[in-house]
Amino acid sequence: MFSRRLLLAAAIAGLSLAGCNKGASGPNTDDMSLGSAGAKVQVTEYASASCSHCAKFNNTVFPAFKANYVDSGKVHYTLKEFLTPPEEVAAAGFLVARCAGKDKYFTVLDAIYKNQAEMFQTGDFRGVLLRIAQSSGMTEDQFNKCVSDPDALKALNARVQKAINDDKITGTPTFFVNGKKVAEGEVTLAQLDAAIAAASK
């Protein structure tokens, strides 16, 4: 398993590391976003750091999506965190990304997705995440404290429960454009292009 310390902290925090119980609530201050907050189109992705489809989207679709829409100011993109098996790995990934700081959050998450296959092939979840954390400037002690922070785990759990209870999220990735669900599971740039074009009218 990932880390006895993480699991202990999860138990202390009352973190329900099991995920799943269709609009999307708007972004809030706890969510991570990119792009102009004043953009006409809001794209929301519910994602898990341990989800292979989320990694595929990040690695193959997101760069073009970001260049075409986010960097151009046409879209405000928000990532909402969700947990899929192994939930403790997803939780640790998100905690590390947050501990790196808002300015490094998406860079760290990108590294997690790009190294996800290695994590699952080797089973060395802690080692890979530690390496990513250190590359973002964290020490091993900071990493250990980060992934075992009961307050951070409790806050993550609250975000996941909100996604389940309020937005009826059952899997990742799930995409909404201006509050309308457009895809669940693998998504293509063409699907997002069509949804964004419709929302831009």
N, C-alpha and C. Protein backbone atom coordinates (compact mmCIF):
# COMPACT_ATOMS: atom_id res chain seq x y z
N MET A 1 0.83 -1.19 0.00
CA MET A 1 0.00 0.00 0.00
C MET A 1 0.87 1.25 0.00
N PHE A 2 0.22 2.39 -0.14
CA PHE A 2 0.98 3.62 -0.34
C PHE A 2 1.76 4.04 0.88
N SER A 3 1.08 4.34 1.95
CA SER A 3 1.77 4.86 3.12
C SER A 3 0.92 4.68 4.35
N ARG A 4 1.47 4.00 5.34
CA ARG A 4 0.73 3.79 6.59
C ARG A 4 0.39 5.14 7.22
N ARG A 5 1.30 6.09 7.08
CA ARG A 5 1.06 7.41 7.66
C ARG A 5 -0.12 8.10 6.98
N LEU A 6 -0.20 8.00 5.65
CA LEU A 6 -1.31 8.60 4.94
C LEU A 6 -2.63 7.95 5.34
N LEU A 7 -2.65 6.63 5.42
CA LEU A 7 -3.88 5.93 5.76
C LEU A 7 -4.30 6.25 7.19
N LEU A 8 -3.33 6.38 8.08
CA LEU A 8 -3.64 6.74 9.46
C LEU A 8 -4.24 8.13 9.51
N ALA A 9 -3.63 9.05 8.78
CA ALA A 9 -4.15 10.42 8.75
C ALA A 9 -5.54 10.44 8.14
N ALA A 10 -5.75 9.61 7.12
CA ALA A 10 -7.06 9.56 6.49
C ALA A 10 -8.11 9.08 7.50
N ALA A 11 -7.73 8.11 8.29
CA ALA A 11 -8.66 7.60 9.30
C ALA A 11 -8.97 8.67 10.34
N ILE A 12 -7.93 9.39 10.75
CA ILE A 12 -8.11 10.46 11.73
C ILE A 12 -9.04 11.54 11.18
N ALA A 13 -8.86 11.85 9.89
CA ALA A 13 -9.64 12.91 9.28
C ALA A 13 -11.06 12.46 8.93
N GLY A 14 -11.32 11.16 9.05
CA GLY A 14 -12.62 10.65 8.66
C GLY A 14 -12.80 10.67 7.15
N LEU A 15 -11.70 10.51 6.43
CA LEU A 15 -11.75 10.58 4.98
C LEU A 15 -12.34 9.30 4.41
N SER A 16 -13.44 9.42 3.70
CA SER A 16 -14.04 8.24 3.09
C SER A 16 -13.35 8.00 1.77
N LEU A 17 -12.36 7.14 1.77
CA LEU A 17 -11.57 6.89 0.58
C LEU A 17 -12.26 5.89 -0.33
N ALA A 18 -13.48 6.17 -0.66
CA ALA A 18 -14.19 5.34 -1.60
C ALA A 18 -15.03 6.29 -2.38
N GLY A 19 -15.01 6.18 -3.67
CA GLY A 19 -15.70 7.24 -4.31
C GLY A 19 -16.85 6.86 -5.14
N CYS A 20 -18.05 6.76 -4.87
CA CYS A 20 -19.02 7.04 -5.88
C CYS A 20 -20.46 6.82 -5.45
N ASN A 21 -21.24 7.44 -5.56
CA ASN A 21 -22.62 7.35 -5.06
C ASN A 21 -23.60 6.73 -6.05
N LYS A 22 -27.29 14.82 -12.88
CA LYS A 22 -25.94 14.88 -13.47
C LYS A 22 -25.70 16.35 -13.69
N GLY A 23 -25.68 18.77 -14.09
CA GLY A 23 -25.07 20.00 -13.79
C GLY A 23 -23.84 19.94 -12.91
N ALA A 24 -23.22 21.03 -12.85
CA ALA A 24 -22.02 21.16 -12.04
C ALA A 24 -22.06 22.46 -11.29
N SER A 25 -21.71 22.40 -10.01
CA SER A 25 -21.65 23.64 -9.25
C SER A 25 -20.50 24.48 -9.79
N GLY A 26 -20.60 25.79 -9.64
CA GLY A 26 -19.58 26.67 -10.16
C GLY A 26 -18.28 26.55 -9.40
N PRO A 27 -17.23 27.16 -9.92
CA PRO A 27 -15.94 27.11 -9.22
C PRO A 27 -16.01 27.84 -7.90
N ASN A 28 -15.26 27.37 -6.92
CA ASN A 28 -15.17 28.08 -5.65
C ASN A 28 -13.70 28.29 -5.31
N THR A 29 -13.46 28.93 -4.21
CA THR A 29 -12.08 29.31 -3.87
C THR A 29 -11.18 28.12 -3.61
N ASP A 30 -11.75 26.93 -3.36
CA ASP A 30 -10.94 25.75 -3.12
C ASP A 30 -10.54 25.03 -4.40
N ASP A 31 -11.18 25.36 -5.51
CA ASP A 31 -10.87 24.71 -6.77
C ASP A 31 -9.65 25.36 -7.43
N MET A 32 -9.02 24.61 -8.30
CA MET A 32 -7.86 25.12 -9.03
C MET A 32 -8.28 25.49 -10.45
N SER A 33 -7.93 26.69 -10.88
CA SER A 33 -8.39 27.18 -12.18
C SER A 33 -7.26 27.79 -12.99
N LEU A 34 -7.52 27.87 -14.30
CA LEU A 34 -6.60 28.51 -15.24
C LEU A 34 -7.42 29.40 -16.18
N GLY A 35 -6.81 30.48 -16.62
CA GLY A 35 -7.47 31.34 -17.60
C GLY A 35 -8.20 32.51 -16.99
N SER A 36 -8.84 33.26 -17.85
CA SER A 36 -9.53 34.48 -17.45
C SER A 36 -10.84 34.17 -16.74
N ALA A 37 -10.99 34.67 -15.51
CA ALA A 37 -12.22 34.45 -14.76
C ALA A 37 -13.41 35.11 -15.45
N GLY A 38 -13.14 36.07 -16.33
CA GLY A 38 -14.22 36.76 -17.03
C GLY A 38 -14.59 36.14 -18.36
N ALA A 39 -14.00 35.00 -18.69
CA ALA A 39 -14.28 34.35 -19.97
C ALA A 39 -15.75 33.95 -20.06
N LYS A 40 -16.29 34.00 -21.26
CA LYS A 40 -17.70 33.67 -21.48
C LYS A 40 -17.98 32.20 -21.23
N VAL A 41 -16.98 31.37 -21.46
CA VAL A 41 -17.16 29.92 -21.35
C VAL A 41 -16.38 29.37 -20.16
N GLN A 42 -17.08 28.58 -19.34
CA GLN A 42 -16.47 27.91 -18.18
C GLN A 42 -16.43 26.41 -18.46
N VAL A 43 -15.24 25.85 -18.51
CA VAL A 43 -15.08 24.40 -18.67
C VAL A 43 -14.63 23.83 -17.33
N THR A 44 -15.38 22.87 -16.84
CA THR A 44 -15.06 22.23 -15.56
C THR A 44 -14.77 20.76 -15.80
N GLU A 45 -13.64 20.31 -15.26
CA GLU A 45 -13.29 18.90 -15.34
C GLU A 45 -13.20 18.32 -13.93
N TYR A 46 -13.94 17.25 -13.70
CA TYR A 46 -13.78 16.47 -12.48
C TYR A 46 -12.77 15.39 -12.81
N ALA A 47 -11.68 15.36 -12.05
CA ALA A 47 -10.58 14.46 -12.38
C ALA A 47 -10.01 13.81 -11.12
N SER A 48 -9.35 12.68 -11.33
CA SER A 48 -8.66 11.98 -10.24
C SER A 48 -7.20 11.80 -10.64
N ALA A 49 -6.32 12.00 -9.68
CA ALA A 49 -4.89 11.86 -9.95
C ALA A 49 -4.48 10.42 -10.25
N SER A 50 -5.35 9.47 -9.90
CA SER A 50 -5.03 8.05 -10.16
C SER A 50 -5.83 7.48 -11.34
N CYS A 51 -6.53 8.32 -12.07
CA CYS A 51 -7.39 7.89 -13.18
C CYS A 51 -6.60 7.86 -14.48
N SER A 52 -6.59 6.71 -15.14
CA SER A 52 -5.81 6.57 -16.38
C SER A 52 -6.40 7.39 -17.51
N HIS A 53 -7.73 7.50 -17.58
CA HIS A 53 -8.36 8.31 -18.63
C HIS A 53 -8.05 9.80 -18.42
N CYS A 54 -7.97 10.22 -17.14
CA CYS A 54 -7.60 11.60 -16.84
C CYS A 54 -6.17 11.87 -17.29
N ALA A 55 -5.30 10.90 -17.07
CA ALA A 55 -3.90 11.04 -17.50
C ALA A 55 -3.82 11.12 -19.01
N LYS A 56 -4.61 10.30 -19.70
CA LYS A 56 -4.60 10.32 -21.17
C LYS A 56 -5.07 11.67 -21.68
N PHE A 57 -6.13 12.23 -21.08
CA PHE A 57 -6.61 13.55 -21.47
C PHE A 57 -5.52 14.59 -21.24
N ASN A 58 -4.92 14.55 -20.07
CA ASN A 58 -3.87 15.52 -19.73
C ASN A 58 -2.71 15.46 -20.72
N ASN A 59 -2.33 14.25 -21.07
CA ASN A 59 -1.12 14.06 -21.87
C ASN A 59 -1.34 14.27 -23.36
N THR A 60 -2.57 14.03 -23.84
CA THR A 60 -2.80 14.05 -25.29
C THR A 60 -3.75 15.14 -25.78
N VAL A 61 -4.69 15.57 -24.94
CA VAL A 61 -5.69 16.55 -25.38
C VAL A 61 -5.50 17.92 -24.72
N PHE A 62 -5.17 17.92 -23.44
CA PHE A 62 -5.12 19.16 -22.68
C PHE A 62 -4.16 20.21 -23.26
N PRO A 63 -2.97 19.84 -23.75
CA PRO A 63 -2.07 20.88 -24.27
C PRO A 63 -2.71 21.71 -25.38
N ALA A 64 -3.38 21.06 -26.33
CA ALA A 64 -4.03 21.79 -27.42
C ALA A 64 -5.24 22.56 -26.92
N PHE A 65 -6.01 21.95 -26.02
CA PHE A 65 -7.16 22.64 -25.42
C PHE A 65 -6.71 23.91 -24.71
N LYS A 66 -5.65 23.81 -23.92
CA LYS A 66 -5.15 24.96 -23.17
C LYS A 66 -4.66 26.05 -24.11
N ALA A 67 -3.92 25.66 -25.14
CA ALA A 67 -3.38 26.64 -26.08
C ALA A 67 -4.50 27.35 -26.84
N ASN A 68 -5.49 26.58 -27.28
CA ASN A 68 -6.57 27.14 -28.10
C ASN A 68 -7.53 28.01 -27.31
N TYR A 69 -7.82 27.61 -26.08
CA TYR A 69 -8.91 28.24 -25.36
C TYR A 69 -8.51 28.97 -24.07
N VAL A 70 -7.68 28.34 -23.26
CA VAL A 70 -7.34 28.92 -21.96
C VAL A 70 -6.35 30.07 -22.14
N ASP A 71 -5.27 29.80 -22.84
CA ASP A 71 -4.23 30.82 -23.03
C ASP A 71 -4.72 32.00 -23.86
N SER A 72 -5.73 31.75 -24.70
CA SER A 72 -6.27 32.82 -25.55
C SER A 72 -7.33 33.66 -24.83
N GLY A 73 -7.71 33.23 -23.62
CA GLY A 73 -8.69 33.98 -22.86
C GLY A 73 -10.14 33.63 -23.16
N LYS A 74 -10.36 32.64 -24.02
CA LYS A 74 -11.72 32.28 -24.41
C LYS A 74 -12.43 31.42 -23.36
N VAL A 75 -11.64 30.70 -22.56
CA VAL A 75 -12.21 29.74 -21.60
C VAL A 75 -11.56 29.89 -20.23
N HIS A 76 -12.39 29.81 -19.22
CA HIS A 76 -11.90 29.69 -17.85
C HIS A 76 -12.04 28.23 -17.47
N TYR A 77 -10.94 27.57 -17.18
CA TYR A 77 -10.91 26.13 -16.91
C TYR A 77 -10.75 25.89 -15.42
N THR A 78 -11.59 25.02 -14.88
CA THR A 78 -11.52 24.66 -13.46
C THR A 78 -11.40 23.16 -13.31
N LEU A 79 -10.46 22.72 -12.48
CA LEU A 79 -10.33 21.31 -12.15
C LEU A 79 -10.91 21.08 -10.77
N LYS A 80 -11.84 20.15 -10.68
CA LYS A 80 -12.41 19.76 -9.39
C LYS A 80 -11.91 18.35 -9.06
N GLU A 81 -11.38 18.20 -7.87
CA GLU A 81 -10.73 16.95 -7.48
C GLU A 81 -11.74 15.87 -7.08
N PHE A 82 -11.46 14.65 -7.52
CA PHE A 82 -12.28 13.49 -7.21
C PHE A 82 -11.33 12.33 -6.92
N LEU A 83 -11.80 11.33 -6.22
CA LEU A 83 -10.94 10.19 -5.88
C LEU A 83 -11.45 8.91 -6.51
N THR A 84 -10.56 8.24 -7.25
CA THR A 84 -10.86 6.93 -7.81
C THR A 84 -9.75 5.98 -7.36
N PRO A 85 -10.01 4.66 -7.39
CA PRO A 85 -9.03 3.69 -6.90
C PRO A 85 -7.70 3.78 -7.65
N PRO A 86 -6.59 3.55 -6.93
CA PRO A 86 -6.49 3.49 -5.46
C PRO A 86 -6.63 4.89 -4.86
N GLU A 87 -7.66 5.07 -4.05
CA GLU A 87 -8.02 6.41 -3.58
C GLU A 87 -6.91 7.08 -2.78
N GLU A 88 -6.13 6.28 -2.03
CA GLU A 88 -5.06 6.88 -1.23
C GLU A 88 -3.97 7.48 -2.12
N VAL A 89 -3.77 6.90 -3.29
CA VAL A 89 -2.79 7.44 -4.24
C VAL A 89 -3.32 8.74 -4.85
N ALA A 90 -4.59 8.73 -5.24
CA ALA A 90 -5.20 9.95 -5.79
C ALA A 90 -5.14 11.07 -4.76
N ALA A 91 -5.49 10.76 -3.51
CA ALA A 91 -5.48 11.76 -2.45
C ALA A 91 -4.07 12.32 -2.25
N ALA A 92 -3.08 11.44 -2.19
CA ALA A 92 -1.71 11.89 -2.00
C ALA A 92 -1.25 12.77 -3.15
N GLY A 93 -1.62 12.40 -4.36
CA GLY A 93 -1.25 13.20 -5.52
C GLY A 93 -1.79 14.61 -5.45
N PHE A 94 -3.07 14.73 -5.12
CA PHE A 94 -3.67 16.06 -5.01
C PHE A 94 -3.06 16.86 -3.86
N LEU A 95 -2.79 16.20 -2.74
CA LEU A 95 -2.21 16.92 -1.61
C LEU A 95 -0.82 17.45 -1.97
N VAL A 96 -0.03 16.65 -2.67
CA VAL A 96 1.31 17.09 -3.07
C VAL A 96 1.20 18.28 -4.01
N ALA A 97 0.28 18.21 -4.96
CA ALA A 97 0.11 19.32 -5.91
C ALA A 97 -0.27 20.60 -5.17
N ARG A 98 -1.14 20.48 -4.17
CA ARG A 98 -1.55 21.67 -3.41
C ARG A 98 -0.42 22.18 -2.53
N CYS A 99 0.33 21.27 -1.93
CA CYS A 99 1.43 21.70 -1.07
C CYS A 99 2.53 22.42 -1.86
N ALA A 100 2.63 22.11 -3.14
CA ALA A 100 3.64 22.77 -3.98
C ALA A 100 3.30 24.25 -4.18
N GLY A 101 2.03 24.60 -3.98
CA GLY A 101 1.60 25.99 -4.15
C GLY A 101 0.73 26.16 -5.37
N LYS A 102 -0.14 27.17 -5.34
CA LYS A 102 -1.08 27.39 -6.44
C LYS A 102 -0.37 27.58 -7.77
N ASP A 103 0.77 28.25 -7.75
CA ASP A 103 1.47 28.52 -9.00
C ASP A 103 2.10 27.27 -9.59
N LYS A 104 2.28 26.23 -8.78
CA LYS A 104 2.90 24.98 -9.27
C LYS A 104 1.90 23.83 -9.33
N TYR A 105 0.65 24.06 -8.93
CA TYR A 105 -0.33 22.98 -8.82
C TYR A 105 -0.46 22.20 -10.13
N PHE A 106 -0.72 22.89 -11.22
CA PHE A 106 -0.95 22.18 -12.48
C PHE A 106 0.33 21.57 -13.04
N THR A 107 1.47 22.17 -12.75
CA THR A 107 2.75 21.59 -13.17
C THR A 107 3.00 20.27 -12.46
N VAL A 108 2.71 20.24 -11.15
CA VAL A 108 2.89 19.00 -10.38
C VAL A 108 1.89 17.94 -10.81
N LEU A 109 0.64 18.34 -11.01
CA LEU A 109 -0.37 17.37 -11.44
C LEU A 109 -0.01 16.80 -12.81
N ASP A 110 0.51 17.64 -13.69
CA ASP A 110 0.95 17.19 -15.00
C ASP A 110 2.05 16.14 -14.86
N ALA A 111 2.99 16.38 -13.94
CA ALA A 111 4.07 15.41 -13.71
C ALA A 111 3.52 14.09 -13.16
N ILE A 112 2.52 14.19 -12.30
CA ILE A 112 1.90 12.97 -11.75
C ILE A 112 1.26 12.16 -12.87
N TYR A 113 0.52 12.83 -13.75
CA TYR A 113 -0.11 12.13 -14.86
C TYR A 113 0.92 11.52 -15.80
N LYS A 114 1.99 12.24 -16.06
CA LYS A 114 3.00 11.74 -16.99
C LYS A 114 3.82 10.59 -16.40
N ASN A 115 3.81 10.49 -15.07
CA ASN A 115 4.52 9.39 -14.40
C ASN A 115 3.57 8.35 -13.82
N GLN A 116 2.30 8.48 -14.14
CA GLN A 116 1.30 7.57 -13.58
C GLN A 116 1.57 6.12 -13.98
N ALA A 117 1.90 5.90 -15.24
CA ALA A 117 2.16 4.53 -15.71
C ALA A 117 3.31 3.90 -14.92
N GLU A 118 4.36 4.67 -14.66
CA GLU A 118 5.49 4.16 -13.88
C GLU A 118 5.04 3.77 -12.47
N MET A 119 4.19 4.61 -11.87
CA MET A 119 3.71 4.31 -10.52
C MET A 119 3.00 2.96 -10.48
N PHE A 120 2.13 2.74 -11.45
CA PHE A 120 1.35 1.50 -11.44
C PHE A 120 2.16 0.30 -11.89
N GLN A 121 3.11 0.51 -12.77
CA GLN A 121 3.94 -0.61 -13.23
C GLN A 121 4.89 -1.07 -12.13
N THR A 122 5.44 -0.12 -11.37
CA THR A 122 6.42 -0.47 -10.33
C THR A 122 5.78 -0.66 -8.96
N GLY A 123 4.61 -0.05 -8.75
CA GLY A 123 3.98 -0.09 -7.43
C GLY A 123 4.65 0.85 -6.44
N ASP A 124 5.62 1.62 -6.92
CA ASP A 124 6.35 2.54 -6.03
C ASP A 124 5.66 3.90 -6.02
N PHE A 125 4.45 3.94 -5.50
CA PHE A 125 3.68 5.17 -5.51
C PHE A 125 4.38 6.27 -4.71
N ARG A 126 4.84 5.90 -3.53
CA ARG A 126 5.48 6.89 -2.68
C ARG A 126 6.76 7.43 -3.32
N GLY A 127 7.57 6.54 -3.88
CA GLY A 127 8.83 6.96 -4.46
C GLY A 127 8.65 7.93 -5.61
N VAL A 128 7.69 7.63 -6.47
CA VAL A 128 7.45 8.50 -7.63
C VAL A 128 6.90 9.85 -7.18
N LEU A 129 5.93 9.83 -6.26
CA LEU A 129 5.36 11.08 -5.78
C LEU A 129 6.40 11.92 -5.02
N LEU A 130 7.26 11.25 -4.26
CA LEU A 130 8.32 11.96 -3.55
C LEU A 130 9.26 12.64 -4.54
N ARG A 131 9.61 11.94 -5.59
CA ARG A 131 10.50 12.51 -6.61
C ARG A 131 9.87 13.75 -7.25
N ILE A 132 8.57 13.66 -7.54
CA ILE A 132 7.86 14.80 -8.13
C ILE A 132 7.82 15.96 -7.14
N ALA A 133 7.54 15.64 -5.88
CA ALA A 133 7.48 16.67 -4.84
C ALA A 133 8.83 17.37 -4.71
N GLN A 134 9.90 16.59 -4.72
CA GLN A 134 11.24 17.17 -4.58
C GLN A 134 11.58 18.04 -5.78
N SER A 135 11.10 17.64 -6.96
CA SER A 135 11.39 18.45 -8.16
C SER A 135 10.65 19.78 -8.11
N SER A 136 9.61 19.86 -7.28
CA SER A 136 8.88 21.12 -7.15
C SER A 136 9.41 21.97 -6.00
N GLY A 137 10.44 21.45 -5.30
CA GLY A 137 11.07 22.22 -4.24
C GLY A 137 10.82 21.74 -2.83
N MET A 138 10.07 20.65 -2.68
CA MET A 138 9.77 20.13 -1.34
C MET A 138 10.90 19.21 -0.85
N THR A 139 11.09 19.19 0.46
CA THR A 139 11.99 18.21 1.07
C THR A 139 11.19 16.95 1.38
N GLU A 140 11.89 15.88 1.72
CA GLU A 140 11.17 14.64 2.06
C GLU A 140 10.33 14.84 3.32
N ASP A 141 10.84 15.59 4.27
CA ASP A 141 10.07 15.86 5.49
C ASP A 141 8.81 16.65 5.17
N GLN A 142 8.92 17.64 4.30
CA GLN A 142 7.74 18.41 3.90
C GLN A 142 6.74 17.52 3.17
N PHE A 143 7.25 16.62 2.34
CA PHE A 143 6.39 15.67 1.63
C PHE A 143 5.62 14.80 2.62
N ASN A 144 6.34 14.24 3.59
CA ASN A 144 5.69 13.37 4.58
C ASN A 144 4.60 14.11 5.34
N LYS A 145 4.90 15.33 5.74
CA LYS A 145 3.90 16.13 6.46
C LYS A 145 2.72 16.47 5.57
N CYS A 146 3.01 16.74 4.31
CA CYS A 146 1.97 17.12 3.35
C CYS A 146 0.94 16.01 3.18
N VAL A 147 1.40 14.78 2.91
CA VAL A 147 0.46 13.70 2.60
C VAL A 147 -0.20 13.12 3.85
N SER A 148 0.22 13.58 5.04
CA SER A 148 -0.40 13.07 6.27
C SER A 148 -1.07 14.20 7.05
N ASP A 149 -1.37 15.30 6.37
CA ASP A 149 -2.00 16.45 7.01
C ASP A 149 -3.50 16.19 7.16
N PRO A 150 -4.00 15.95 8.39
CA PRO A 150 -5.42 15.60 8.56
C PRO A 150 -6.37 16.71 8.14
N ASP A 151 -5.97 17.97 8.30
CA ASP A 151 -6.84 19.07 7.88
C ASP A 151 -6.98 19.12 6.37
N ALA A 152 -5.85 18.90 5.67
CA ALA A 152 -5.90 18.90 4.21
C ALA A 152 -6.71 17.72 3.69
N LEU A 153 -6.56 16.57 4.34
CA LEU A 153 -7.35 15.39 3.96
C LEU A 153 -8.84 15.62 4.18
N LYS A 154 -9.16 16.26 5.28
CA LYS A 154 -10.57 16.53 5.58
C LYS A 154 -11.15 17.49 4.54
N ALA A 155 -10.38 18.50 4.16
CA ALA A 155 -10.84 19.46 3.15
C ALA A 155 -11.03 18.78 1.79
N LEU A 156 -10.10 17.88 1.45
CA LEU A 156 -10.22 17.13 0.19
C LEU A 156 -11.47 16.26 0.23
N ASN A 157 -11.68 15.59 1.33
CA ASN A 157 -12.86 14.75 1.46
C ASN A 157 -14.14 15.57 1.29
N ALA A 158 -14.17 16.77 1.84
CA ALA A 158 -15.35 17.63 1.72
C ALA A 158 -15.60 17.99 0.26
N ARG A 159 -14.54 18.26 -0.49
CA ARG A 159 -14.70 18.59 -1.90
C ARG A 159 -15.24 17.39 -2.68
N VAL A 160 -14.73 16.20 -2.36
CA VAL A 160 -15.20 15.00 -3.05
C VAL A 160 -16.66 14.70 -2.71
N GLN A 161 -17.00 14.84 -1.44
CA GLN A 161 -18.39 14.59 -1.03
C GLN A 161 -19.34 15.58 -1.70
N LYS A 162 -18.90 16.82 -1.86
CA LYS A 162 -19.72 17.82 -2.55
C LYS A 162 -19.95 17.42 -4.00
N ALA A 163 -18.91 16.91 -4.64
CA ALA A 163 -19.04 16.47 -6.03
C ALA A 163 -20.04 15.33 -6.15
N ILE A 164 -19.99 14.41 -5.19
CA ILE A 164 -20.91 13.27 -5.20
C ILE A 164 -22.33 13.71 -4.89
N ASN A 165 -22.48 14.50 -3.82
CA ASN A 165 -23.82 14.86 -3.35
C ASN A 165 -24.50 15.91 -4.21
N ASP A 166 -23.76 16.96 -4.56
CA ASP A 166 -24.37 18.08 -5.28
C ASP A 166 -24.35 17.91 -6.79
N ASP A 167 -23.25 17.39 -7.32
CA ASP A 167 -23.10 17.34 -8.77
C ASP A 167 -23.28 15.94 -9.36
N LYS A 168 -23.56 14.95 -8.47
CA LYS A 168 -23.85 13.57 -8.91
C LYS A 168 -22.73 12.98 -9.75
N ILE A 169 -21.50 13.31 -9.39
CA ILE A 169 -20.36 12.76 -10.13
C ILE A 169 -20.15 11.31 -9.72
N THR A 170 -20.00 10.45 -10.71
CA THR A 170 -19.81 9.03 -10.45
C THR A 170 -18.52 8.47 -11.04
N GLY A 171 -17.84 9.27 -11.84
CA GLY A 171 -16.60 8.78 -12.44
C GLY A 171 -15.81 9.92 -13.05
N THR A 172 -14.58 9.61 -13.43
CA THR A 172 -13.70 10.63 -14.01
C THR A 172 -13.05 10.12 -15.28
N PRO A 173 -12.68 11.05 -16.18
CA PRO A 173 -12.99 12.47 -16.10
C PRO A 173 -14.43 12.75 -16.52
N THR A 174 -15.03 13.77 -15.94
CA THR A 174 -16.35 14.25 -16.33
C THR A 174 -16.22 15.73 -16.64
N PHE A 175 -16.76 16.13 -17.77
CA PHE A 175 -16.60 17.50 -18.25
C PHE A 175 -17.95 18.22 -18.34
N PHE A 176 -17.94 19.48 -17.93
CA PHE A 176 -19.09 20.36 -18.07
C PHE A 176 -18.64 21.62 -18.78
N VAL A 177 -19.50 22.13 -19.65
CA VAL A 177 -19.26 23.41 -20.30
C VAL A 177 -20.42 24.32 -19.96
N ASN A 178 -20.13 25.40 -19.26
CA ASN A 178 -21.16 26.32 -18.75
C ASN A 178 -22.27 25.57 -18.02
N GLY A 179 -21.85 24.61 -17.18
CA GLY A 179 -22.79 23.89 -16.34
C GLY A 179 -23.49 22.72 -17.00
N LYS A 180 -23.27 22.51 -18.29
CA LYS A 180 -23.92 21.41 -19.02
C LYS A 180 -22.93 20.27 -19.22
N LYS A 181 -23.33 19.08 -18.80
CA LYS A 181 -22.44 17.92 -18.94
C LYS A 181 -22.27 17.58 -20.41
N VAL A 182 -21.00 17.48 -20.84
CA VAL A 182 -20.74 17.18 -22.24
C VAL A 182 -20.06 15.84 -22.45
N ALA A 183 -19.42 15.31 -21.42
CA ALA A 183 -18.72 14.03 -21.59
C ALA A 183 -18.35 13.43 -20.26
N GLU A 184 -18.33 12.10 -20.24
CA GLU A 184 -17.81 11.36 -19.10
C GLU A 184 -16.94 10.24 -19.65
N GLY A 185 -15.74 10.11 -19.10
CA GLY A 185 -14.80 9.14 -19.65
C GLY A 185 -13.90 9.84 -20.66
N GLU A 186 -13.42 9.10 -21.64
CA GLU A 186 -12.52 9.70 -22.61
C GLU A 186 -13.23 10.78 -23.41
N VAL A 187 -12.54 11.88 -23.65
CA VAL A 187 -13.11 12.98 -24.41
C VAL A 187 -12.08 13.42 -25.45
N THR A 188 -12.59 13.83 -26.62
CA THR A 188 -11.72 14.30 -27.68
C THR A 188 -11.75 15.83 -27.73
N LEU A 189 -10.74 16.39 -28.37
CA LEU A 189 -10.72 17.84 -28.55
C LEU A 189 -11.91 18.27 -29.40
N ALA A 190 -12.32 17.43 -30.36
CA ALA A 190 -13.46 17.77 -31.22
C ALA A 190 -14.74 17.90 -30.40
N GLN A 191 -14.93 17.03 -29.41
CA GLN A 191 -16.10 17.13 -28.54
C GLN A 191 -16.10 18.45 -27.77
N LEU A 192 -14.94 18.81 -27.24
CA LEU A 192 -14.84 20.06 -26.50
C LEU A 192 -15.00 21.26 -27.44
N ASP A 193 -14.44 21.16 -28.65
CA ASP A 193 -14.59 22.23 -29.63
C ASP A 193 -16.07 22.52 -29.88
N ALA A 194 -16.84 21.45 -30.08
CA ALA A 194 -18.26 21.60 -30.40
C ALA A 194 -19.03 22.20 -29.22
N ALA A 195 -18.74 21.74 -28.03
CA ALA A 195 -19.44 22.22 -26.84
C ALA A 195 -19.08 23.69 -26.56
N ILE A 196 -17.82 24.04 -26.74
CA ILE A 196 -17.39 25.41 -26.50
C ILE A 196 -17.98 26.35 -27.55
N ALA A 197 -18.03 25.87 -28.80
CA ALA A 197 -18.61 26.69 -29.87
C ALA A 197 -20.08 26.97 -29.57
N ALA A 198 -20.80 25.97 -29.11
CA ALA A 198 -22.22 26.14 -28.80
C ALA A 198 -22.41 27.10 -27.63
N ALA A 199 -21.53 27.00 -26.64
CA ALA A 199 -21.62 27.86 -25.45
C ALA A 199 -21.20 29.28 -25.75
N SER A 200 -20.45 29.48 -26.81
CA SER A 200 -19.94 30.81 -27.14
C SER A 200 -20.92 31.65 -27.92
N LYS A 201 -22.01 31.04 -28.40
CA LYS A 201 -22.99 31.76 -29.23
C LYS A 201 -23.76 32.78 -28.40
